Amino acid sequence: MALNISKSLYPFTSRFATVSGIGSKRHQLHYLDEGRLDEGEENGSAGGKNEALVMIHGNPSWSFLFRDLIKKLSPTYRVVVPDHIGMGLSEKPTDRAYEYCLDSRLKNFEELIDQLELPETFTLILHDWGGMIGMAYAARHPERIARLVLMNTAAFHLPDHMSVPHSLGLARTPLGTYSVRGLNGFARIATHWCVKQPLSDEVKRAYTQPYDTWKNRIGTLRFVQDVPLKQSDRSYDAVTATEKGLAQFADTPKLIVWGNNDFVFKPDVLEHWRGIWPNAEVHDIDNCGHYLMEDAPTEVCDKIASFLEKHTL
């Protein structure tokens, strides 16, 4: 799908990979592959880069979320940023063609990585449910992970004392379905509730444009419906396996950058991360919401760039 976004805001080259759906179904996954290109330019690869960074978004955002970080880091690193199926510029299939669940997300990510000829190890930069997807991949392929950068995310079941956003339960009701798919409520509300500094109208439009019809909003609804709230939920076991795998990264360089005014992942989630990885470098930023890269783009980008330079490969 073509979006009306200025080149100055999102000046990147769109690329597409074929990934699997239900049965023999195949779908087009949109991704960015930015950075200096060498002889791999002809086949759409950025081969030859010494270091690769892979950024994974959550819901209801898309690769647009990382635009400032891509601009900051692509002169030095190869930067790969996919849009999940059903999100951003990727194909948005029906439930008959695609199972919108964590296992499918993980499988598609593995398929993309296998197609890209990345260096043997690379760095994951994760936000929101992208943290769950990215850490699920990391838990399954720990030998490929050079560094980890996490922002306002979880890769574990929230302990009982932590509150779960009411929207997770609401999304499973007819009212929630109508709000998300009929009114684009999730993506629209996020442009207000996920930030502390008001977004420009242009940026708001960029976040909501991919979800312009009932059909194209399937991903934003199914994504939130897939967050497991009880053991019988479809993705519960996948989250459990991911959580168990976190201990493998005790000695991996890790950076956590956190917006302290997030209504989704509150400070107690950050404290849980500190308990899991006491040696992680942590920067919590006041007056920043869930979309911390919108509220403090320069500070977030500088913290990540400094961390990468400190832990050279």
C-alpha atoms as a PDB file:
ATOM      1  CA  MET A   1       0.000   0.000   0.000  1.00  0.00           C
ATOM      2  CA  ALA A   2       1.215   3.525  -0.752  1.00  0.00           C
ATOM      3  CA  LEU A   3       1.167   6.111   2.015  1.00  0.00           C
ATOM      4  CA  ASN A   4       1.176   9.874   1.790  1.00  0.00           C
ATOM      5  CA  ILE A   5       4.219  10.575   3.975  1.00  0.00           C
ATOM      6  CA  SER A   6       6.870  13.157   3.160  1.00  0.00           C
ATOM      7  CA  LYS A   7      10.264  11.850   2.083  1.00  0.00           C
ATOM      8  CA  SER A   8      11.933  14.033   4.683  1.00  0.00           C
ATOM      9  CA  LEU A   9      10.033  12.194   7.409  1.00  0.00           C
ATOM     10  CA  TYR A  10      10.371   8.645   6.056  1.00  0.00           C
ATOM     11  CA  PRO A  11      13.079   8.712   3.361  1.00  0.00           C
ATOM     12  CA  PHE A  12      13.658   4.975   3.193  1.00  0.00           C
ATOM     13  CA  THR A  13      13.531   2.358   0.443  1.00  0.00           C
ATOM     14  CA  SER A  14      10.753  -0.196   0.796  1.00  0.00           C
ATOM     15  CA  ARG A  15      11.654  -3.847   0.299  1.00  0.00           C
ATOM     16  CA  PHE A  16       9.555  -6.986   0.530  1.00  0.00           C
ATOM     17  CA  ALA A  17      10.197 -10.564   1.607  1.00  0.00           C
ATOM     18  CA  THR A  18       7.900 -13.542   1.135  1.00  0.00           C
ATOM     19  CA  VAL A  19       6.929 -15.265   4.382  1.00  0.00           C
ATOM     20  CA  SER A  20       4.543 -18.068   5.244  1.00  0.00           C
ATOM     21  CA  GLY A  21       0.967 -18.024   6.443  1.00  0.00           C
ATOM     22  CA  ILE A  22      -1.549 -20.811   6.971  1.00  0.00           C
ATOM     23  CA  GLY A  23      -0.845 -23.942   4.914  1.00  0.00           C
ATOM     24  CA  SER A  24       0.522 -23.015   1.503  1.00  0.00           C
ATOM     25  CA  LYS A  25      -0.368 -19.322   1.842  1.00  0.00           C
ATOM     26  CA  ARG A  26       2.479 -16.842   1.330  1.00  0.00           C
ATOM     27  CA  HIS A  27       2.480 -13.161   2.241  1.00  0.00           C
ATOM     28  CA  GLN A  28       4.526 -10.056   1.515  1.00  0.00           C
ATOM     29  CA  LEU A  29       6.367  -8.664   4.507  1.00  0.00           C
ATOM     30  CA  HIS A  30       7.632  -5.087   4.163  1.00  0.00           C
ATOM     31  CA  TYR A  31      11.027  -4.186   5.593  1.00  0.00           C
ATOM     32  CA  LEU A  32      13.732  -1.549   5.454  1.00  0.00           C
ATOM     33  CA  ASP A  33      17.386  -2.402   4.884  1.00  0.00           C
ATOM     34  CA  GLU A  34      19.278   0.855   5.280  1.00  0.00           C
ATOM     35  CA  GLY A  35      22.968   1.719   5.462  1.00  0.00           C
ATOM     36  CA  ARG A  36      25.933   1.812   3.109  1.00  0.00           C
ATOM     37  CA  LEU A  37      25.471  -0.600   0.212  1.00  0.00           C
ATOM     38  CA  ASP A  38      28.240  -2.366  -1.675  1.00  0.00           C
ATOM     39  CA  GLU A  39      28.038  -4.989  -4.393  1.00  0.00           C
ATOM     40  CA  GLY A  40      24.900  -6.326  -2.734  1.00  0.00           C
ATOM     41  CA  GLU A  41      22.918  -3.309  -3.906  1.00  0.00           C
ATOM     42  CA  GLU A  42      21.676  -5.069  -7.029  1.00  0.00           C
ATOM     43  CA  ASN A  43      19.838  -7.759  -5.087  1.00  0.00           C
ATOM     44  CA  GLY A  44      18.506  -5.410  -2.464  1.00  0.00           C
ATOM     45  CA  SER A  45      20.981  -6.432   0.192  1.00  0.00           C
ATOM     46  CA  ALA A  46      23.287  -4.298   2.276  1.00  0.00           C
ATOM     47  CA  GLY A  47      25.903  -7.032   2.338  1.00  0.00           C
ATOM     48  CA  GLY A  48      29.386  -6.200   3.493  1.00  0.00           C
ATOM     49  CA  LYS A  49      28.397  -4.226   6.581  1.00  0.00           C
ATOM     50  CA  ASN A  50      30.450  -5.261   9.574  1.00  0.00           C
ATOM     51  CA  GLU A  51      27.591  -4.799  12.030  1.00  0.00           C
ATOM     52  CA  ALA A  52      23.840  -5.170  11.639  1.00  0.00           C
ATOM     53  CA  LEU A  53      21.058  -3.815  13.817  1.00  0.00           C
ATOM     54  CA  VAL A  54      17.557  -5.265  13.615  1.00  0.00           C
ATOM     55  CA  MET A  55      14.722  -3.171  15.047  1.00  0.00           C
ATOM     56  CA  ILE A  56      11.353  -4.733  15.893  1.00  0.00           C
ATOM     57  CA  HIS A  57       8.212  -2.700  16.540  1.00  0.00           C
ATOM     58  CA  GLY A  58       5.074  -3.599  18.457  1.00  0.00           C
ATOM     59  CA  ASN A  59       1.408  -2.649  18.212  1.00  0.00           C
ATOM     60  CA  PRO A  60      -0.070  -0.405  16.815  1.00  0.00           C
ATOM     61  CA  SER A  61       3.134   1.127  15.465  1.00  0.00           C
ATOM     62  CA  TRP A  62       5.256   0.121  12.472  1.00  0.00           C
ATOM     63  CA  SER A  63       8.762   0.805  11.126  1.00  0.00           C
ATOM     64  CA  PHE A  64       7.927   4.532  11.094  1.00  0.00           C
ATOM     65  CA  LEU A  65       8.463   4.511  14.873  1.00  0.00           C
ATOM     66  CA  PHE A  66      12.217   3.962  14.387  1.00  0.00           C
ATOM     67  CA  ARG A  67      12.743   6.645  11.712  1.00  0.00           C
ATOM     68  CA  ASP A  68      15.004   8.920  13.797  1.00  0.00           C
ATOM     69  CA  LEU A  69      17.053   5.993  15.046  1.00  0.00           C
ATOM     70  CA  ILE A  70      17.463   4.688  11.488  1.00  0.00           C
ATOM     71  CA  LYS A  71      18.695   8.092  10.323  1.00  0.00           C
ATOM     72  CA  LYS A  72      21.102   8.279  13.263  1.00  0.00           C
ATOM     73  CA  LEU A  73      22.606   4.810  12.904  1.00  0.00           C
ATOM     74  CA  SER A  74      22.433   3.871   9.217  1.00  0.00           C
ATOM     75  CA  PRO A  75      25.552   5.875   8.259  1.00  0.00           C
ATOM     76  CA  THR A  76      27.536   3.496  10.487  1.00  0.00           C
ATOM     77  CA  TYR A  77      25.541   0.283  10.674  1.00  0.00           C
ATOM     78  CA  ARG A  78      23.351  -1.848   8.479  1.00  0.00           C
ATOM     79  CA  VAL A  79      19.834  -1.304   9.830  1.00  0.00           C
ATOM     80  CA  VAL A  80      16.993  -3.746   9.153  1.00  0.00           C
ATOM     81  CA  VAL A  81      13.447  -2.876  10.234  1.00  0.00           C
ATOM     82  CA  PRO A  82      10.503  -5.142   9.349  1.00  0.00           C
ATOM     83  CA  ASP A  83       6.790  -4.416   9.526  1.00  0.00           C
ATOM     84  CA  HIS A  84       4.963  -7.420  10.924  1.00  0.00           C
ATOM     85  CA  ILE A  85       2.326  -9.056   8.752  1.00  0.00           C
ATOM     86  CA  GLY A  86      -0.871  -7.056   9.200  1.00  0.00           C
ATOM     87  CA  MET A  87       1.081  -3.951  10.190  1.00  0.00           C
ATOM     88  CA  GLY A  88       2.585  -0.931   8.465  1.00  0.00           C
ATOM     89  CA  LEU A  89       3.262  -1.527   4.782  1.00  0.00           C
ATOM     90  CA  SER A  90       3.136  -5.318   5.006  1.00  0.00           C
ATOM     91  CA  GLU A  91       0.320  -7.407   3.585  1.00  0.00           C
ATOM     92  CA  LYS A  92      -2.791  -7.618   5.755  1.00  0.00           C
ATOM     93  CA  PRO A  93      -4.315 -11.066   5.160  1.00  0.00           C
ATOM     94  CA  THR A  94      -7.539 -12.412   6.624  1.00  0.00           C
ATOM     95  CA  ASP A  95      -7.732 -14.942   9.430  1.00  0.00           C
ATOM     96  CA  ARG A  96      -8.248 -17.659   6.827  1.00  0.00           C
ATOM     97  CA  ALA A  97      -4.824 -16.997   5.351  1.00  0.00           C
ATOM     98  CA  TYR A  98      -2.775 -16.049   8.414  1.00  0.00           C
ATOM     99  CA  GLU A  99      -2.770 -16.976  12.090  1.00  0.00           C
ATOM    100  CA  TYR A 100      -2.122 -13.789  14.029  1.00  0.00           C
ATOM    101  CA  CYS A 101      -0.169 -15.159  16.988  1.00  0.00           C
ATOM    102  CA  LEU A 102       3.280 -15.010  18.551  1.00  0.00           C
ATOM    103  CA  ASP A 103       4.433 -18.274  16.960  1.00  0.00           C
ATOM    104  CA  SER A 104       3.587 -16.918  13.492  1.00  0.00           C
ATOM    105  CA  ARG A 105       5.436 -13.674  14.222  1.00  0.00           C
ATOM    106  CA  LEU A 106       8.489 -15.618  15.320  1.00  0.00           C
ATOM    107  CA  LYS A 107       8.377 -17.896  12.284  1.00  0.00           C
ATOM    108  CA  ASN A 108       8.097 -14.932   9.899  1.00  0.00           C
ATOM    109  CA  PHE A 109      10.989 -13.178  11.611  1.00  0.00           C
ATOM    110  CA  GLU A 110      13.135 -16.296  11.294  1.00  0.00           C
ATOM    111  CA  GLU A 111      12.226 -16.496   7.601  1.00  0.00           C
ATOM    112  CA  LEU A 112      13.211 -12.868   7.052  1.00  0.00           C
ATOM    113  CA  ILE A 113      16.535 -13.240   8.869  1.00  0.00           C
ATOM    114  CA  ASP A 114      17.343 -16.346   6.829  1.00  0.00           C
ATOM    115  CA  GLN A 115      16.807 -14.395   3.597  1.00  0.00           C
ATOM    116  CA  LEU A 116      18.928 -11.347   4.453  1.00  0.00           C
ATOM    117  CA  GLU A 117      22.484 -12.686   4.698  1.00  0.00           C
ATOM    118  CA  LEU A 118      23.158 -10.822   7.928  1.00  0.00           C
ATOM    119  CA  PRO A 119      26.478 -11.104   9.765  1.00  0.00           C
ATOM    120  CA  GLU A 120      26.846 -14.134  12.001  1.00  0.00           C
ATOM    121  CA  THR A 121      25.783 -12.067  15.007  1.00  0.00           C
ATOM    122  CA  PHE A 122      23.667  -8.929  15.145  1.00  0.00           C
ATOM    123  CA  THR A 123      22.014  -6.550  17.603  1.00  0.00           C
ATOM    124  CA  LEU A 124      18.305  -6.520  18.414  1.00  0.00           C
ATOM    125  CA  ILE A 125      16.591  -3.203  19.201  1.00  0.00           C
ATOM    126  CA  LEU A 126      13.119  -3.900  20.559  1.00  0.00           C
ATOM    127  CA  HIS A 127      10.022  -1.920  21.528  1.00  0.00           C
ATOM    128  CA  ASP A 128       6.624  -2.942  22.926  1.00  0.00           C
ATOM    129  CA  TRP A 129       5.501  -6.414  21.722  1.00  0.00           C
ATOM    130  CA  GLY A 130       8.542  -6.340  19.468  1.00  0.00           C
ATOM    131  CA  GLY A 131      10.395  -7.192  22.665  1.00  0.00           C
ATOM    132  CA  MET A 132       8.441 -10.405  23.027  1.00  0.00           C
ATOM    133  CA  ILE A 133       8.974 -11.348  19.378  1.00  0.00           C
ATOM    134  CA  GLY A 134      12.641 -10.398  19.420  1.00  0.00           C
ATOM    135  CA  MET A 135      13.410 -12.184  22.676  1.00  0.00           C
ATOM    136  CA  ALA A 136      11.512 -15.261  21.475  1.00  0.00           C
ATOM    137  CA  TYR A 137      13.895 -15.307  18.515  1.00  0.00           C
ATOM    138  CA  ALA A 138      16.882 -14.653  20.785  1.00  0.00           C
ATOM    139  CA  ALA A 139      15.908 -17.476  23.144  1.00  0.00           C
ATOM    140  CA  ARG A 140      15.778 -19.857  20.185  1.00  0.00           C
ATOM    141  CA  HIS A 141      18.964 -18.538  18.525  1.00  0.00           C
ATOM    142  CA  PRO A 142      21.182 -17.168  21.329  1.00  0.00           C
ATOM    143  CA  GLU A 143      24.354 -17.692  19.302  1.00  0.00           C
ATOM    144  CA  ARG A 144      23.252 -14.962  16.866  1.00  0.00           C
ATOM    145  CA  ILE A 145      22.682 -12.206  19.420  1.00  0.00           C
ATOM    146  CA  ALA A 146      25.538  -9.735  19.887  1.00  0.00           C
ATOM    147  CA  ARG A 147      23.768  -7.018  21.902  1.00  0.00           C
ATOM    148  CA  LEU A 148      20.271  -6.257  23.161  1.00  0.00           C
ATOM    149  CA  VAL A 149      18.500  -2.905  23.363  1.00  0.00           C
ATOM    150  CA  LEU A 150      15.046  -2.865  24.956  1.00  0.00           C
ATOM    151  CA  MET A 151      12.571  -0.003  25.223  1.00  0.00           C
ATOM    152  CA  ASN A 152       9.300  -0.148  27.168  1.00  0.00           C
ATOM    153  CA  THR A 153       8.610  -3.800  26.617  1.00  0.00           C
ATOM    154  CA  ALA A 154       8.198  -7.128  28.368  1.00  0.00           C
ATOM    155  CA  ALA A 155       9.307 -10.631  27.445  1.00  0.00           C
ATOM    156  CA  PHE A 156       7.704 -12.401  30.373  1.00  0.00           C
ATOM    157  CA  HIS A 157       4.328 -12.925  32.000  1.00  0.00           C
ATOM    158  CA  LEU A 158       3.517  -9.900  34.137  1.00  0.00           C
ATOM    159  CA  PRO A 159       3.623 -10.847  37.831  1.00  0.00           C
ATOM    160  CA  ASP A 160       0.281 -10.765  39.632  1.00  0.00           C
ATOM    161  CA  HIS A 161       1.031  -7.477  41.398  1.00  0.00           C
ATOM    162  CA  MET A 162       1.441  -5.644  38.071  1.00  0.00           C
ATOM    163  CA  SER A 163      -1.638  -4.137  36.479  1.00  0.00           C
ATOM    164  CA  VAL A 164      -2.678  -5.180  32.977  1.00  0.00           C
ATOM    165  CA  PRO A 165      -4.059  -2.394  30.740  1.00  0.00           C
ATOM    166  CA  HIS A 166      -7.861  -2.610  30.532  1.00  0.00           C
ATOM    167  CA  SER A 167      -7.597  -2.372  26.746  1.00  0.00           C
ATOM    168  CA  LEU A 168      -6.293  -5.958  26.611  1.00  0.00           C
ATOM    169  CA  GLY A 169      -9.557  -7.300  27.935  1.00  0.00           C
ATOM    170  CA  LEU A 170     -11.716  -4.792  26.084  1.00  0.00           C
ATOM    171  CA  ALA A 171     -10.192  -5.857  22.748  1.00  0.00           C
ATOM    172  CA  ARG A 172     -11.769  -9.293  23.192  1.00  0.00           C
ATOM    173  CA  THR A 173     -15.304  -7.897  23.312  1.00  0.00           C
ATOM    174  CA  PRO A 174     -17.595  -6.859  20.429  1.00  0.00           C
ATOM    175  CA  LEU A 175     -17.246  -3.244  21.567  1.00  0.00           C
ATOM    176  CA  GLY A 176     -13.465  -3.511  21.424  1.00  0.00           C
ATOM    177  CA  THR A 177     -13.576  -5.050  17.972  1.00  0.00           C
ATOM    178  CA  TYR A 178     -15.762  -2.233  16.672  1.00  0.00           C
ATOM    179  CA  SER A 179     -13.568   0.406  18.319  1.00  0.00           C
ATOM    180  CA  VAL A 180     -10.360  -0.958  16.784  1.00  0.00           C
ATOM    181  CA  ARG A 181     -11.567  -2.094  13.359  1.00  0.00           C
ATOM    182  CA  GLY A 182     -14.489   0.258  12.842  1.00  0.00           C
ATOM    183  CA  LEU A 183     -13.026   3.471  14.261  1.00  0.00           C
ATOM    184  CA  ASN A 184      -9.262   2.788  14.151  1.00  0.00           C
ATOM    185  CA  GLY A 185      -9.458   3.485  17.862  1.00  0.00           C
ATOM    186  CA  PHE A 186      -6.254   1.738  18.895  1.00  0.00           C
ATOM    187  CA  ALA A 187      -3.926   3.481  16.445  1.00  0.00           C
ATOM    188  CA  ARG A 188      -5.632   6.859  16.910  1.00  0.00           C
ATOM    189  CA  ILE A 189      -5.636   6.726  20.701  1.00  0.00           C
ATOM    190  CA  ALA A 190      -1.969   5.696  20.708  1.00  0.00           C
ATOM    191  CA  THR A 191      -0.999   8.970  19.007  1.00  0.00           C
ATOM    192  CA  HIS A 192      -2.330  10.760  22.090  1.00  0.00           C
ATOM    193  CA  TRP A 193      -1.943   8.406  25.044  1.00  0.00           C
ATOM    194  CA  CYS A 194       1.504   7.021  24.125  1.00  0.00           C
ATOM    195  CA  VAL A 195       3.229  10.412  24.189  1.00  0.00           C
ATOM    196  CA  LYS A 196       3.671  13.273  26.625  1.00  0.00           C
ATOM    197  CA  GLN A 197       4.661  15.794  23.944  1.00  0.00           C
ATOM    198  CA  PRO A 198       1.916  16.387  21.344  1.00  0.00           C
ATOM    199  CA  LEU A 199       2.645  14.917  17.922  1.00  0.00           C
ATOM    200  CA  SER A 200       2.331  16.970  14.761  1.00  0.00           C
ATOM    201  CA  ASP A 201      -0.657  16.241  12.546  1.00  0.00           C
ATOM    202  CA  GLU A 202       1.709  14.817   9.922  1.00  0.00           C
ATOM    203  CA  VAL A 203       3.213  12.330  12.367  1.00  0.00           C
ATOM    204  CA  LYS A 204      -0.223  11.329  13.653  1.00  0.00           C
ATOM    205  CA  ARG A 205      -1.344  10.638  10.101  1.00  0.00           C
ATOM    206  CA  ALA A 206       1.749   8.539   9.451  1.00  0.00           C
ATOM    207  CA  TYR A 207       0.969   6.310  12.429  1.00  0.00           C
ATOM    208  CA  THR A 208      -2.668   5.808  11.452  1.00  0.00           C
ATOM    209  CA  GLN A 209      -2.525   5.710   7.620  1.00  0.00           C
ATOM    210  CA  PRO A 210      -1.611   2.014   7.301  1.00  0.00           C
ATOM    211  CA  TYR A 211      -4.830   1.203   9.141  1.00  0.00           C
ATOM    212  CA  ASP A 212      -7.302   3.038   6.915  1.00  0.00           C
ATOM    213  CA  THR A 213     -10.067   0.440   6.534  1.00  0.00           C
ATOM    214  CA  TRP A 214     -11.773  -2.320   8.503  1.00  0.00           C
ATOM    215  CA  LYS A 215      -9.762  -4.878   6.499  1.00  0.00           C
ATOM    216  CA  ASN A 216      -6.449  -3.131   7.102  1.00  0.00           C
ATOM    217  CA  ARG A 217      -6.997  -2.929  10.867  1.00  0.00           C
ATOM    218  CA  ILE A 218      -7.013  -6.673  11.397  1.00  0.00           C
ATOM    219  CA  GLY A 219      -3.404  -6.694  12.612  1.00  0.00           C
ATOM    220  CA  THR A 220      -3.887  -4.044  15.294  1.00  0.00           C
ATOM    221  CA  LEU A 221      -6.831  -5.977  16.733  1.00  0.00           C
ATOM    222  CA  ARG A 222      -5.392  -9.483  16.493  1.00  0.00           C
ATOM    223  CA  PHE A 223      -2.076  -8.295  17.937  1.00  0.00           C
ATOM    224  CA  VAL A 224      -3.637  -7.084  21.179  1.00  0.00           C
ATOM    225  CA  GLN A 225      -5.993 -10.068  21.328  1.00  0.00           C
ATOM    226  CA  ASP A 226      -2.975 -12.382  21.206  1.00  0.00           C
ATOM    227  CA  VAL A 227      -1.427 -11.020  24.413  1.00  0.00           C
ATOM    228  CA  PRO A 228      -2.017 -13.962  26.785  1.00  0.00           C
ATOM    229  CA  LEU A 229      -3.939 -13.160  29.959  1.00  0.00           C
ATOM    230  CA  LYS A 230      -4.436 -16.750  31.172  1.00  0.00           C
ATOM    231  CA  GLN A 231      -2.846 -20.178  30.685  1.00  0.00           C
ATOM    232  CA  SER A 232      -5.444 -21.309  28.179  1.00  0.00           C
ATOM    233  CA  ASP A 233      -4.642 -18.434  25.796  1.00  0.00           C
ATOM    234  CA  ARG A 234      -2.972 -19.430  22.538  1.00  0.00           C
ATOM    235  CA  SER A 235       0.386 -17.694  23.051  1.00  0.00           C
ATOM    236  CA  TYR A 236       0.793 -18.378  26.772  1.00  0.00           C
ATOM    237  CA  ASP A 237       3.268 -21.237  26.325  1.00  0.00           C
ATOM    238  CA  ALA A 238       5.319 -19.238  23.810  1.00  0.00           C
ATOM    239  CA  VAL A 239       5.687 -16.428  26.355  1.00  0.00           C
ATOM    240  CA  THR A 240       6.658 -18.952  29.030  1.00  0.00           C
ATOM    241  CA  ALA A 241       9.405 -20.363  26.794  1.00  0.00           C
ATOM    242  CA  THR A 242      10.656 -16.865  26.006  1.00  0.00           C
ATOM    243  CA  GLU A 243      10.778 -15.925  29.681  1.00  0.00           C
ATOM    244  CA  LYS A 244      12.747 -19.058  30.527  1.00  0.00           C
ATOM    245  CA  GLY A 245      15.274 -18.156  27.842  1.00  0.00           C
ATOM    246  CA  LEU A 246      16.155 -14.734  29.261  1.00  0.00           C
ATOM    247  CA  ALA A 247      18.809 -16.129  31.611  1.00  0.00           C
ATOM    248  CA  GLN A 248      20.950 -17.069  28.591  1.00  0.00           C
ATOM    249  CA  PHE A 249      21.807 -13.408  28.105  1.00  0.00           C
ATOM    250  CA  ALA A 250      23.310 -12.684  31.509  1.00  0.00           C
ATOM    251  CA  ASP A 251      26.659 -11.855  29.891  1.00  0.00           C
ATOM    252  CA  THR A 252      25.349 -10.246  26.685  1.00  0.00           C
ATOM    253  CA  PRO A 253      25.719  -6.439  26.521  1.00  0.00           C
ATOM    254  CA  LYS A 254      22.261  -5.063  27.302  1.00  0.00           C
ATOM    255  CA  LEU A 255      20.760  -1.586  27.281  1.00  0.00           C
ATOM    256  CA  ILE A 256      17.314  -0.708  28.606  1.00  0.00           C
ATOM    257  CA  VAL A 257      15.949   2.744  27.754  1.00  0.00           C
ATOM    258  CA  TRP A 258      12.644   3.475  29.446  1.00  0.00           C
ATOM    259  CA  GLY A 259       9.984   6.147  29.287  1.00  0.00           C
ATOM    260  CA  ASN A 260       8.879   6.608  32.885  1.00  0.00           C
ATOM    261  CA  ASN A 261       5.378   7.879  32.075  1.00  0.00           C
ATOM    262  CA  ASP A 262       4.174   4.874  30.095  1.00  0.00           C
ATOM    263  CA  PHE A 263       0.569   3.870  30.827  1.00  0.00           C
ATOM    264  CA  VAL A 264       1.242   0.411  29.325  1.00  0.00           C
ATOM    265  CA  PHE A 265       4.627  -0.680  30.700  1.00  0.00           C
ATOM    266  CA  LYS A 266       4.871   1.098  34.025  1.00  0.00           C
ATOM    267  CA  PRO A 267       8.035   1.547  36.148  1.00  0.00           C
ATOM    268  CA  ASP A 268       7.400  -1.730  37.988  1.00  0.00           C
ATOM    269  CA  VAL A 269       7.969  -3.551  34.695  1.00  0.00           C
ATOM    270  CA  LEU A 270      11.358  -1.861  34.442  1.00  0.00           C
ATOM    271  CA  GLU A 271      12.138  -2.969  37.996  1.00  0.00           C
ATOM    272  CA  HIS A 272      11.304  -6.530  36.991  1.00  0.00           C
ATOM    273  CA  TRP A 273      13.821  -6.237  34.146  1.00  0.00           C
ATOM    274  CA  ARG A 274      16.442  -5.010  36.633  1.00  0.00           C
ATOM    275  CA  GLY A 275      15.830  -8.139  38.680  1.00  0.00           C
ATOM    276  CA  ILE A 276      16.265 -10.392  35.646  1.00  0.00           C
ATOM    277  CA  TRP A 277      19.376  -8.621  34.342  1.00  0.00           C
ATOM    278  CA  PRO A 278      21.063  -6.737  37.212  1.00  0.00           C
ATOM    279  CA  ASN A 279      24.055  -5.903  35.015  1.00  0.00           C
ATOM    280  CA  ALA A 280      22.053  -4.232  32.230  1.00  0.00           C
ATOM    281  CA  GLU A 281      22.772  -0.586  31.502  1.00  0.00           C
ATOM    282  CA  VAL A 282      19.550   1.295  32.268  1.00  0.00           C
ATOM    283  CA  HIS A 283      18.434   4.807  31.387  1.00  0.00           C
ATOM    284  CA  ASP A 284      14.960   5.819  32.511  1.00  0.00           C
ATOM    285  CA  ILE A 285      13.720   9.098  31.082  1.00  0.00           C
ATOM    286  CA  ASP A 286      11.179  11.293  32.837  1.00  0.00           C
ATOM    287  CA  ASN A 287       8.234  12.871  31.023  1.00  0.00           C
ATOM    288  CA  CYS A 288       8.338  10.207  28.320  1.00  0.00           C
ATOM    289  CA  GLY A 289       5.452   7.951  27.401  1.00  0.00           C
ATOM    290  CA  HIS A 290       5.259   4.605  25.642  1.00  0.00           C
ATOM    291  CA  TYR A 291       6.478   6.128  22.369  1.00  0.00           C
ATOM    292  CA  LEU A 292       9.631   7.417  24.019  1.00  0.00           C
ATOM    293  CA  MET A 293      11.325   7.893  20.643  1.00  0.00           C
ATOM    294  CA  GLU A 294       8.708  10.559  19.934  1.00  0.00           C
ATOM    295  CA  ASP A 295       9.021  12.302  23.299  1.00  0.00           C
ATOM    296  CA  ALA A 296      12.833  12.310  23.500  1.00  0.00           C
ATOM    297  CA  PRO A 297      14.227  11.312  20.085  1.00  0.00           C
ATOM    298  CA  THR A 298      17.651  12.893  20.492  1.00  0.00           C
ATOM    299  CA  GLU A 299      18.259  11.513  23.967  1.00  0.00           C
ATOM    300  CA  VAL A 300      17.099   8.017  23.064  1.00  0.00           C
ATOM    301  CA  CYS A 301      19.146   7.935  19.856  1.00  0.00           C
ATOM    302  CA  ASP A 302      22.252   9.226  21.627  1.00  0.00           C
ATOM    303  CA  LYS A 303      21.948   6.671  24.444  1.00  0.00           C
ATOM    304  CA  ILE A 304      21.685   3.814  21.960  1.00  0.00           C
ATOM    305  CA  ALA A 305      24.515   5.098  19.754  1.00  0.00           C
ATOM    306  CA  SER A 306      26.771   5.483  22.788  1.00  0.00           C
ATOM    307  CA  PHE A 307      25.967   1.956  23.979  1.00  0.00           C
ATOM    308  CA  LEU A 308      26.774   0.476  20.576  1.00  0.00           C
ATOM    309  CA  GLU A 309      30.082   2.337  20.443  1.00  0.00           C
ATOM    310  CA  LYS A 310      30.949   1.213  23.958  1.00  0.00           C
ATOM    311  CA  HIS A 311      30.341  -2.442  23.101  1.00  0.00           C
ATOM    312  CA  THR A 312      32.006  -2.784  19.725  1.00  0.00           C
ATOM    313  CA  LEU A 313      31.983  -6.177  18.037  1.00  0.00           C
END
